[in-house]
C-alpha cells in the first residue's frame, strides 16, 4: 500500500484490488483492473500522476493501461480548464466495454487461427510437402476442411453473439 492509497477508503481499496485480481485472472493484467476501478470510484477526473501515486504503479504502466482502456472505450479523456495535463474518467457502459474487449481479444485470436489455417492449406494443397504419402494427404486435407468449416461456424457465432448480446 502506498502512502497515497491510504487516502482511498478501505472498501474502495478492496474493490480496486478485486478488480485487479479479476482482470489478471482473465489474462489482461492486474493494472488494467486497478486503473479502471480507481477511476470508476473517483468522482473527479484524474491524471496519470494521480494513478501512479494512488496505485503505486509506474508512469509507464499507468500510461499503457490508460491507453488500452481508452481503446476499449472504458475511459474517456476529460479537458480540465486551465490545466494542460491529460485527465481521464471511467465510462460505465459495461456492455459496450465488454464487447470491445472481447472483440479485441477473441477477434485477434480468431484472425490468427484463420491465418494459420490458410497457411496450412496452402502448404498442403495443391502440392503436398515432400514425404507425405497420398493416404496421409487425403486424411490431412479432410481434416483441414473440417477445421475450416468449424472455423466458419465459430466466426459466425462469435459475430452474432458479440453484435447481438453485447450491443444491448
N, C-alpha and C. Protein backbone atom coordinates (compact mmCIF):
# COMPACT_ATOMS: atom_id res chain seq x y z
N UNK A 1 0.85 -1.18 0.00
CA UNK A 1 0.00 0.00 0.00
C UNK A 1 0.89 1.24 0.00
N UNK A 2 0.62 2.14 -0.92
CA UNK A 2 1.40 3.37 -1.00
C UNK A 2 0.82 4.39 -0.03
N UNK A 3 1.60 5.39 0.35
CA UNK A 3 1.05 6.42 1.24
C UNK A 3 -0.20 7.08 0.66
N UNK A 4 -0.22 7.30 -0.66
CA UNK A 4 -1.39 7.93 -1.28
C UNK A 4 -2.60 7.01 -1.26
N UNK A 5 -2.37 5.69 -1.32
CA UNK A 5 -3.51 4.78 -1.33
C UNK A 5 -4.21 4.73 0.02
N UNK A 6 -3.54 5.22 1.06
CA UNK A 6 -4.18 5.29 2.38
C UNK A 6 -5.33 6.30 2.38
N UNK A 7 -5.30 7.23 1.41
CA UNK A 7 -6.37 8.22 1.30
C UNK A 7 -7.62 7.63 0.67
N UNK A 8 -7.50 6.44 0.09
CA UNK A 8 -8.64 5.77 -0.53
C UNK A 8 -9.36 4.98 0.56
N UNK A 9 -10.67 5.17 0.68
CA UNK A 9 -11.41 4.42 1.71
C UNK A 9 -11.20 2.91 1.56
N UNK A 10 -11.12 2.22 2.66
CA UNK A 10 -10.83 0.79 2.69
C UNK A 10 -11.73 -0.04 1.78
N UNK A 11 -13.06 0.17 1.78
CA UNK A 11 -13.90 -0.64 0.88
C UNK A 11 -13.57 -0.41 -0.60
N UNK A 12 -13.22 0.81 -0.95
CA UNK A 12 -12.86 1.13 -2.33
C UNK A 12 -11.51 0.51 -2.67
N UNK A 13 -10.57 0.56 -1.74
CA UNK A 13 -9.27 -0.08 -1.93
C UNK A 13 -9.47 -1.58 -2.19
N UNK A 14 -10.38 -2.20 -1.44
CA UNK A 14 -10.66 -3.63 -1.63
C UNK A 14 -11.24 -3.89 -3.02
N UNK A 15 -12.13 -3.01 -3.47
CA UNK A 15 -12.71 -3.16 -4.81
C UNK A 15 -11.65 -2.98 -5.90
N UNK A 16 -10.74 -2.06 -5.70
CA UNK A 16 -9.66 -1.83 -6.66
C UNK A 16 -8.79 -3.08 -6.76
N UNK A 17 -8.45 -3.66 -5.61
CA UNK A 17 -7.64 -4.88 -5.61
C UNK A 17 -8.40 -6.04 -6.24
N UNK A 18 -9.69 -6.16 -5.94
CA UNK A 18 -10.51 -7.23 -6.51
C UNK A 18 -10.59 -7.08 -8.03
N UNK A 19 -10.74 -5.86 -8.52
CA UNK A 19 -10.78 -5.62 -9.96
C UNK A 19 -9.44 -6.00 -10.60
N UNK A 20 -8.35 -5.70 -9.91
CA UNK A 20 -7.03 -6.08 -10.41
C UNK A 20 -6.86 -7.58 -10.50
N UNK A 21 -7.32 -8.30 -9.48
CA UNK A 21 -7.24 -9.77 -9.50
C UNK A 21 -8.12 -10.34 -10.59
N UNK A 22 -9.30 -9.74 -10.78
CA UNK A 22 -10.22 -10.22 -11.81
C UNK A 22 -9.61 -10.09 -13.21
N UNK A 23 -9.10 -8.90 -13.53
CA UNK A 23 -8.53 -8.71 -14.86
C UNK A 23 -7.27 -9.55 -15.05
N UNK A 24 -6.52 -9.76 -13.97
CA UNK A 24 -5.34 -10.61 -14.05
C UNK A 24 -5.75 -12.06 -14.35
N UNK A 25 -6.84 -12.51 -13.73
CA UNK A 25 -7.30 -13.88 -13.97
C UNK A 25 -7.79 -14.07 -15.40
N UNK A 26 -8.19 -12.98 -16.04
CA UNK A 26 -8.62 -13.04 -17.44
C UNK A 26 -7.44 -12.92 -18.41
N UNK A 27 -6.26 -12.71 -17.86
CA UNK A 27 -5.08 -12.56 -18.70
C UNK A 27 -4.87 -11.15 -19.22
N UNK A 28 -5.59 -10.20 -18.66
CA UNK A 28 -5.49 -8.81 -19.13
C UNK A 28 -4.46 -8.00 -18.36
N UNK A 29 -4.06 -8.47 -17.21
CA UNK A 29 -3.11 -7.73 -16.38
C UNK A 29 -3.82 -7.03 -15.23
N UNK A 30 -3.18 -7.07 -14.09
CA UNK A 30 -3.74 -6.54 -12.86
C UNK A 30 -3.94 -5.02 -12.92
N UNK A 31 -3.00 -4.33 -13.53
CA UNK A 31 -3.04 -2.87 -13.55
C UNK A 31 -4.27 -2.33 -14.27
N UNK A 32 -4.71 -3.00 -15.33
CA UNK A 32 -5.89 -2.52 -16.06
C UNK A 32 -7.11 -2.47 -15.14
N UNK A 33 -7.32 -3.52 -14.39
CA UNK A 33 -8.47 -3.54 -13.47
C UNK A 33 -8.34 -2.50 -12.38
N UNK A 34 -7.13 -2.34 -11.87
CA UNK A 34 -6.92 -1.35 -10.81
C UNK A 34 -7.17 0.07 -11.31
N UNK A 35 -6.66 0.38 -12.48
CA UNK A 35 -6.86 1.72 -13.03
C UNK A 35 -8.34 1.98 -13.25
N UNK A 36 -9.01 1.03 -13.89
CA UNK A 36 -10.42 1.23 -14.18
C UNK A 36 -11.22 1.41 -12.88
N UNK A 37 -11.01 0.53 -11.91
CA UNK A 37 -11.76 0.61 -10.65
C UNK A 37 -11.46 1.91 -9.91
N UNK A 38 -10.20 2.33 -9.89
CA UNK A 38 -9.85 3.58 -9.23
C UNK A 38 -10.59 4.74 -9.86
N UNK A 39 -10.57 4.81 -11.19
CA UNK A 39 -11.25 5.90 -11.88
C UNK A 39 -12.77 5.79 -11.76
N UNK A 40 -13.27 4.57 -11.75
CA UNK A 40 -14.71 4.36 -11.64
C UNK A 40 -15.26 4.86 -10.30
N UNK A 41 -14.49 4.66 -9.26
CA UNK A 41 -14.93 5.07 -7.92
C UNK A 41 -14.41 6.43 -7.50
N UNK A 42 -13.83 7.17 -8.42
CA UNK A 42 -13.34 8.51 -8.14
C UNK A 42 -14.28 9.52 -8.79
N UNK A 43 -14.81 10.46 -8.01
CA UNK A 43 -15.81 11.38 -8.56
C UNK A 43 -15.27 12.40 -9.56
N UNK A 44 -13.96 12.65 -9.54
CA UNK A 44 -13.38 13.66 -10.42
C UNK A 44 -12.37 13.02 -11.37
N UNK A 45 -12.21 13.59 -12.56
CA UNK A 45 -11.20 13.07 -13.50
C UNK A 45 -9.81 13.10 -12.86
N UNK A 46 -8.98 12.16 -13.26
CA UNK A 46 -7.63 12.04 -12.68
C UNK A 46 -6.58 12.00 -13.77
N UNK A 47 -5.35 12.34 -13.38
CA UNK A 47 -4.20 12.34 -14.29
C UNK A 47 -3.40 11.06 -14.12
N UNK A 48 -2.43 10.87 -15.02
CA UNK A 48 -1.52 9.74 -14.87
C UNK A 48 -0.75 9.82 -13.55
N UNK A 49 -0.36 11.03 -13.17
CA UNK A 49 0.34 11.19 -11.89
C UNK A 49 -0.54 10.73 -10.72
N UNK A 50 -1.82 11.07 -10.77
CA UNK A 50 -2.74 10.61 -9.73
C UNK A 50 -2.77 9.09 -9.66
N UNK A 51 -2.80 8.44 -10.82
CA UNK A 51 -2.84 6.98 -10.87
C UNK A 51 -1.56 6.38 -10.29
N UNK A 52 -0.42 6.93 -10.66
CA UNK A 52 0.84 6.37 -10.17
C UNK A 52 0.95 6.50 -8.65
N UNK A 53 0.52 7.62 -8.12
CA UNK A 53 0.61 7.82 -6.66
C UNK A 53 -0.41 6.97 -5.91
N UNK A 54 -1.63 6.94 -6.38
CA UNK A 54 -2.69 6.22 -5.67
C UNK A 54 -2.52 4.71 -5.74
N UNK A 55 -2.06 4.22 -6.89
CA UNK A 55 -1.99 2.78 -7.11
C UNK A 55 -0.58 2.20 -6.91
N UNK A 56 0.40 3.07 -6.81
CA UNK A 56 1.77 2.60 -6.63
C UNK A 56 2.31 1.90 -7.87
N UNK A 57 1.97 2.43 -9.05
CA UNK A 57 2.44 1.85 -10.31
C UNK A 57 3.33 2.87 -11.01
N UNK A 58 4.10 2.40 -11.97
CA UNK A 58 4.97 3.29 -12.71
C UNK A 58 4.15 4.14 -13.69
N UNK A 59 4.75 5.24 -14.10
CA UNK A 59 4.07 6.10 -15.06
C UNK A 59 3.90 5.38 -16.40
N UNK A 60 4.86 4.53 -16.74
CA UNK A 60 4.75 3.75 -17.97
C UNK A 60 3.58 2.78 -17.91
N UNK A 61 3.42 2.09 -16.77
CA UNK A 61 2.28 1.18 -16.61
C UNK A 61 0.97 1.94 -16.65
N UNK A 62 0.95 3.08 -16.00
CA UNK A 62 -0.27 3.90 -15.99
C UNK A 62 -0.61 4.35 -17.41
N UNK A 63 0.39 4.80 -18.14
CA UNK A 63 0.18 5.28 -19.50
C UNK A 63 -0.32 4.17 -20.42
N UNK A 64 0.34 3.00 -20.36
CA UNK A 64 -0.09 1.88 -21.21
C UNK A 64 -1.49 1.40 -20.82
N UNK A 65 -1.76 1.36 -19.53
CA UNK A 65 -3.08 0.93 -19.07
C UNK A 65 -4.17 1.87 -19.51
N UNK A 66 -3.93 3.15 -19.37
CA UNK A 66 -4.92 4.15 -19.78
C UNK A 66 -5.16 4.08 -21.29
N UNK A 67 -4.09 3.92 -22.04
CA UNK A 67 -4.21 3.82 -23.49
C UNK A 67 -5.06 2.61 -23.89
N UNK A 68 -4.80 1.45 -23.25
CA UNK A 68 -5.56 0.24 -23.57
C UNK A 68 -7.02 0.39 -23.17
N UNK A 69 -7.26 0.90 -21.99
CA UNK A 69 -8.64 1.09 -21.52
C UNK A 69 -9.39 2.09 -22.39
N UNK A 70 -8.72 3.14 -22.82
CA UNK A 70 -9.35 4.12 -23.71
C UNK A 70 -9.68 3.47 -25.06
N UNK A 71 -8.79 2.62 -25.55
CA UNK A 71 -9.04 1.93 -26.82
C UNK A 71 -10.30 1.07 -26.72
N UNK A 72 -10.55 0.47 -25.57
CA UNK A 72 -11.73 -0.36 -25.37
C UNK A 72 -12.97 0.46 -25.04
N UNK A 73 -12.81 1.77 -24.90
CA UNK A 73 -13.95 2.62 -24.57
C UNK A 73 -14.28 2.64 -23.09
N UNK A 74 -13.37 2.15 -22.26
CA UNK A 74 -13.62 2.11 -20.81
C UNK A 74 -13.29 3.44 -20.14
N UNK A 75 -12.45 4.23 -20.77
CA UNK A 75 -12.08 5.55 -20.23
C UNK A 75 -12.30 6.59 -21.30
N UNK A 76 -12.50 7.81 -20.83
CA UNK A 76 -12.57 8.92 -21.77
C UNK A 76 -11.68 10.05 -21.27
N UNK A 77 -11.00 10.71 -22.19
CA UNK A 77 -10.20 11.87 -21.79
C UNK A 77 -11.13 13.02 -21.43
N UNK A 78 -10.71 13.81 -20.46
CA UNK A 78 -11.52 14.94 -20.00
C UNK A 78 -10.65 16.19 -20.01
N UNK A 79 -11.17 17.25 -20.55
CA UNK A 79 -10.46 18.52 -20.56
C UNK A 79 -10.75 19.26 -19.26
N UNK A 80 -9.70 19.73 -18.61
CA UNK A 80 -9.84 20.50 -17.38
C UNK A 80 -9.32 21.90 -17.65
N UNK A 81 -10.19 22.88 -17.51
CA UNK A 81 -9.85 24.26 -17.82
C UNK A 81 -8.65 24.72 -16.99
N UNK A 82 -7.69 25.32 -17.67
CA UNK A 82 -6.52 25.87 -17.01
C UNK A 82 -5.42 24.86 -16.74
N UNK A 83 -5.58 23.63 -17.19
CA UNK A 83 -4.55 22.61 -16.95
C UNK A 83 -4.24 21.91 -18.26
N UNK A 84 -2.96 21.74 -18.55
CA UNK A 84 -2.56 21.11 -19.80
C UNK A 84 -2.38 19.60 -19.66
N UNK A 85 -2.49 19.07 -18.47
CA UNK A 85 -2.34 17.63 -18.28
C UNK A 85 -3.55 16.89 -18.85
N UNK A 86 -3.33 15.62 -19.14
CA UNK A 86 -4.42 14.76 -19.61
C UNK A 86 -5.15 14.19 -18.39
N UNK A 87 -6.45 14.33 -18.39
CA UNK A 87 -7.29 13.79 -17.33
C UNK A 87 -8.19 12.70 -17.92
N UNK A 88 -8.56 11.74 -17.06
CA UNK A 88 -9.38 10.62 -17.52
C UNK A 88 -10.50 10.33 -16.52
N UNK A 89 -11.59 9.81 -17.09
CA UNK A 89 -12.74 9.41 -16.29
C UNK A 89 -13.20 8.05 -16.82
N UNK A 90 -13.68 7.20 -15.92
CA UNK A 90 -14.18 5.88 -16.33
C UNK A 90 -15.58 6.02 -16.91
N UNK A 91 -15.83 5.25 -17.93
CA UNK A 91 -17.17 5.16 -18.51
C UNK A 91 -17.88 3.97 -17.88
N UNK A 92 -19.19 3.98 -17.93
CA UNK A 92 -19.92 2.88 -17.29
C UNK A 92 -20.86 2.14 -18.25
N UNK A 93 -20.57 2.19 -19.53
CA UNK A 93 -21.34 1.42 -20.50
C UNK A 93 -20.71 0.03 -20.57
N UNK A 94 -21.01 -0.80 -19.57
CA UNK A 94 -20.32 -2.08 -19.40
C UNK A 94 -20.50 -3.02 -20.59
N UNK A 95 -21.68 -3.06 -21.17
CA UNK A 95 -21.90 -3.93 -22.32
C UNK A 95 -21.00 -3.58 -23.48
N UNK A 96 -20.90 -2.31 -23.79
CA UNK A 96 -20.05 -1.86 -24.90
C UNK A 96 -18.57 -2.10 -24.58
N UNK A 97 -18.18 -1.84 -23.32
CA UNK A 97 -16.79 -2.06 -22.93
C UNK A 97 -16.44 -3.55 -23.08
N UNK A 98 -17.30 -4.41 -22.56
CA UNK A 98 -17.06 -5.85 -22.64
C UNK A 98 -17.01 -6.30 -24.10
N UNK A 99 -17.91 -5.78 -24.91
CA UNK A 99 -17.92 -6.12 -26.34
C UNK A 99 -16.59 -5.73 -26.97
N UNK A 100 -16.10 -4.54 -26.69
CA UNK A 100 -14.84 -4.08 -27.26
C UNK A 100 -13.66 -4.95 -26.81
N UNK A 101 -13.66 -5.32 -25.54
CA UNK A 101 -12.58 -6.17 -25.02
C UNK A 101 -12.62 -7.53 -25.70
N UNK A 102 -13.81 -8.12 -25.76
CA UNK A 102 -13.94 -9.44 -26.37
C UNK A 102 -13.60 -9.42 -27.86
N UNK A 103 -14.04 -8.38 -28.54
CA UNK A 103 -13.71 -8.27 -29.97
C UNK A 103 -12.21 -8.14 -30.16
N UNK A 104 -11.58 -7.37 -29.30
CA UNK A 104 -10.15 -7.18 -29.40
C UNK A 104 -9.42 -8.50 -29.11
N UNK A 105 -9.77 -9.15 -28.02
CA UNK A 105 -9.08 -10.38 -27.63
C UNK A 105 -9.43 -11.55 -28.54
N UNK A 106 -10.70 -11.88 -28.61
CA UNK A 106 -11.12 -13.04 -29.39
C UNK A 106 -10.95 -12.78 -30.88
N UNK A 107 -11.25 -11.58 -31.31
CA UNK A 107 -11.13 -11.25 -32.73
C UNK A 107 -9.72 -11.45 -33.23
N UNK A 108 -8.73 -11.02 -32.46
CA UNK A 108 -7.34 -11.19 -32.86
C UNK A 108 -6.96 -12.67 -32.90
N UNK A 109 -7.45 -13.43 -31.92
CA UNK A 109 -7.12 -14.86 -31.87
C UNK A 109 -7.81 -15.62 -33.01
N UNK A 110 -9.07 -15.25 -33.30
CA UNK A 110 -9.76 -15.89 -34.42
C UNK A 110 -9.07 -15.57 -35.73
N UNK A 111 -8.64 -14.34 -35.87
CA UNK A 111 -7.94 -13.93 -37.08
C UNK A 111 -6.61 -14.66 -37.23
N UNK A 112 -5.87 -14.80 -36.13
CA UNK A 112 -4.58 -15.51 -36.16
C UNK A 112 -4.78 -16.98 -36.51
N UNK A 113 -5.81 -17.59 -35.93
CA UNK A 113 -6.04 -19.01 -36.23
C UNK A 113 -6.50 -19.19 -37.68
N UNK A 114 -7.26 -18.26 -38.21
CA UNK A 114 -7.68 -18.34 -39.61
C UNK A 114 -6.47 -18.22 -40.54
N UNK A 115 -5.55 -17.34 -40.18
CA UNK A 115 -4.34 -17.18 -40.99
C UNK A 115 -3.48 -18.44 -40.94
N UNK A 116 -3.35 -19.04 -39.76
CA UNK A 116 -2.57 -20.27 -39.63
C UNK A 116 -3.20 -21.39 -40.45
N UNK A 117 -4.51 -21.47 -40.42
CA UNK A 117 -5.22 -22.50 -41.18
C UNK A 117 -5.02 -22.28 -42.69
N UNK A 118 -5.11 -21.05 -43.12
CA UNK A 118 -4.89 -20.74 -44.54
C UNK A 118 -3.48 -21.10 -44.97
N UNK A 119 -2.51 -20.79 -44.13
CA UNK A 119 -1.12 -21.15 -44.45
C UNK A 119 -0.96 -22.66 -44.57
N UNK A 120 -1.58 -23.40 -43.66
CA UNK A 120 -1.50 -24.86 -43.71
C UNK A 120 -2.16 -25.39 -44.97
N UNK A 121 -3.30 -24.82 -45.33
CA UNK A 121 -4.00 -25.24 -46.55
C UNK A 121 -3.14 -25.00 -47.79
N UNK A 122 -2.48 -23.84 -47.83
CA UNK A 122 -1.63 -23.53 -48.98
C UNK A 122 -0.39 -24.43 -49.02
N UNK A 123 0.09 -24.81 -47.86
CA UNK A 123 1.27 -25.68 -47.81
C UNK A 123 0.95 -27.10 -48.28
N UNK A 124 -0.28 -27.55 -48.05
CA UNK A 124 -0.68 -28.91 -48.39
C UNK A 124 -1.26 -29.00 -49.80
N UNK A 125 -2.04 -28.01 -50.18
CA UNK A 125 -2.78 -28.11 -51.45
C UNK A 125 -2.34 -26.98 -52.37
N UNK A 126 -2.08 -27.16 -53.58
CA UNK A 126 -2.21 -28.37 -54.38
C UNK A 126 -0.96 -29.26 -54.36
N UNK A 127 0.14 -28.77 -53.75
CA UNK A 127 1.37 -29.56 -53.75
C UNK A 127 1.74 -29.92 -52.30
N UNK A 128 1.53 -31.14 -51.90
CA UNK A 128 1.86 -31.52 -50.53
C UNK A 128 3.36 -31.49 -50.28
N UNK A 129 3.71 -31.37 -49.04
CA UNK A 129 5.11 -31.38 -48.66
C UNK A 129 5.73 -32.72 -49.03
N UNK A 130 7.00 -32.71 -49.38
CA UNK A 130 7.67 -33.98 -49.70
C UNK A 130 7.59 -34.91 -48.49
N UNK A 131 7.39 -36.16 -48.78
CA UNK A 131 7.35 -37.16 -47.72
C UNK A 131 5.95 -37.48 -47.22
N UNK A 132 4.93 -36.76 -47.72
CA UNK A 132 3.55 -37.07 -47.32
C UNK A 132 2.97 -38.03 -48.36
N UNK A 133 2.60 -39.21 -47.90
CA UNK A 133 2.04 -40.19 -48.82
C UNK A 133 0.60 -39.81 -49.17
N UNK A 134 0.06 -40.34 -50.28
CA UNK A 134 -1.29 -39.96 -50.74
C UNK A 134 -2.40 -40.21 -49.70
N UNK A 135 -2.30 -41.29 -48.94
CA UNK A 135 -3.33 -41.55 -47.92
C UNK A 135 -3.29 -40.49 -46.83
N UNK A 136 -2.12 -40.14 -46.40
CA UNK A 136 -1.98 -39.10 -45.38
C UNK A 136 -2.43 -37.75 -45.91
N UNK A 137 -2.11 -37.49 -47.17
CA UNK A 137 -2.52 -36.22 -47.79
C UNK A 137 -4.04 -36.10 -47.81
N UNK A 138 -4.72 -37.15 -48.19
CA UNK A 138 -6.18 -37.13 -48.22
C UNK A 138 -6.75 -36.94 -46.82
N UNK A 139 -6.16 -37.62 -45.86
CA UNK A 139 -6.60 -37.50 -44.46
C UNK A 139 -6.40 -36.07 -43.96
N UNK A 140 -5.23 -35.52 -44.20
CA UNK A 140 -4.92 -34.15 -43.76
C UNK A 140 -5.85 -33.16 -44.44
N UNK A 141 -6.08 -33.35 -45.75
CA UNK A 141 -6.97 -32.46 -46.50
C UNK A 141 -8.38 -32.48 -45.91
N UNK A 142 -8.87 -33.68 -45.57
CA UNK A 142 -10.21 -33.82 -44.96
C UNK A 142 -10.26 -33.12 -43.61
N UNK A 143 -9.20 -33.27 -42.82
CA UNK A 143 -9.15 -32.62 -41.51
C UNK A 143 -9.12 -31.10 -41.65
N UNK A 144 -8.39 -30.60 -42.61
CA UNK A 144 -8.34 -29.15 -42.84
C UNK A 144 -9.71 -28.62 -43.25
N UNK A 145 -10.42 -29.36 -44.09
CA UNK A 145 -11.77 -28.94 -44.50
C UNK A 145 -12.72 -28.92 -43.30
N UNK A 146 -12.62 -29.93 -42.45
CA UNK A 146 -13.45 -29.97 -41.24
C UNK A 146 -13.12 -28.79 -40.33
N UNK A 147 -11.84 -28.53 -40.18
CA UNK A 147 -11.40 -27.40 -39.35
C UNK A 147 -11.88 -26.07 -39.93
N UNK A 148 -11.80 -25.92 -41.24
CA UNK A 148 -12.25 -24.69 -41.89
C UNK A 148 -13.76 -24.49 -41.68
N UNK A 149 -14.54 -25.56 -41.81
CA UNK A 149 -15.99 -25.46 -41.59
C UNK A 149 -16.28 -25.05 -40.14
N UNK A 150 -15.54 -25.64 -39.20
CA UNK A 150 -15.72 -25.28 -37.79
C UNK A 150 -15.34 -23.82 -37.56
N UNK A 151 -14.26 -23.39 -38.17
CA UNK A 151 -13.82 -22.00 -38.02
C UNK A 151 -14.89 -21.04 -38.53
N UNK A 152 -15.53 -21.35 -39.66
CA UNK A 152 -16.60 -20.50 -40.19
C UNK A 152 -17.78 -20.44 -39.21
N UNK A 153 -18.12 -21.59 -38.61
CA UNK A 153 -19.20 -21.60 -37.62
C UNK A 153 -18.86 -20.74 -36.41
N UNK A 154 -17.63 -20.86 -35.93
CA UNK A 154 -17.20 -20.06 -34.77
C UNK A 154 -17.25 -18.58 -35.10
N UNK A 155 -16.73 -18.19 -36.25
CA UNK A 155 -16.74 -16.78 -36.62
C UNK A 155 -18.16 -16.26 -36.76
N UNK A 156 -19.04 -17.04 -37.33
CA UNK A 156 -20.43 -16.64 -37.48
C UNK A 156 -21.11 -16.51 -36.12
N UNK A 157 -20.89 -17.52 -35.27
CA UNK A 157 -21.49 -17.48 -33.92
C UNK A 157 -20.93 -16.33 -33.11
N UNK A 158 -19.62 -16.11 -33.23
CA UNK A 158 -18.98 -15.02 -32.50
C UNK A 158 -19.56 -13.69 -32.93
N UNK A 159 -19.70 -13.50 -34.24
CA UNK A 159 -20.26 -12.24 -34.73
C UNK A 159 -21.67 -12.03 -34.25
N UNK A 160 -22.49 -13.07 -34.26
CA UNK A 160 -23.88 -12.95 -33.79
C UNK A 160 -23.93 -12.64 -32.30
N UNK A 161 -23.10 -13.34 -31.52
CA UNK A 161 -23.08 -13.14 -30.06
C UNK A 161 -22.62 -11.73 -29.72
N UNK A 162 -21.48 -11.35 -30.27
CA UNK A 162 -20.89 -10.06 -29.92
C UNK A 162 -21.81 -8.90 -30.34
N UNK A 163 -22.33 -8.99 -31.52
CA UNK A 163 -23.18 -7.90 -32.02
C UNK A 163 -24.53 -7.90 -31.33
N UNK A 164 -25.14 -9.07 -31.22
CA UNK A 164 -26.48 -9.17 -30.66
C UNK A 164 -26.55 -8.96 -29.16
N UNK A 165 -25.87 -9.80 -28.41
CA UNK A 165 -25.98 -9.79 -26.96
C UNK A 165 -25.34 -8.58 -26.32
N UNK A 166 -24.13 -8.27 -26.72
CA UNK A 166 -23.37 -7.22 -26.04
C UNK A 166 -23.76 -5.81 -26.48
N UNK A 167 -24.48 -5.68 -27.57
CA UNK A 167 -24.86 -4.34 -28.03
C UNK A 167 -26.07 -3.80 -27.28
N UNK A 168 -26.74 -4.66 -26.55
CA UNK A 168 -27.96 -4.23 -25.85
C UNK A 168 -27.65 -3.52 -24.57
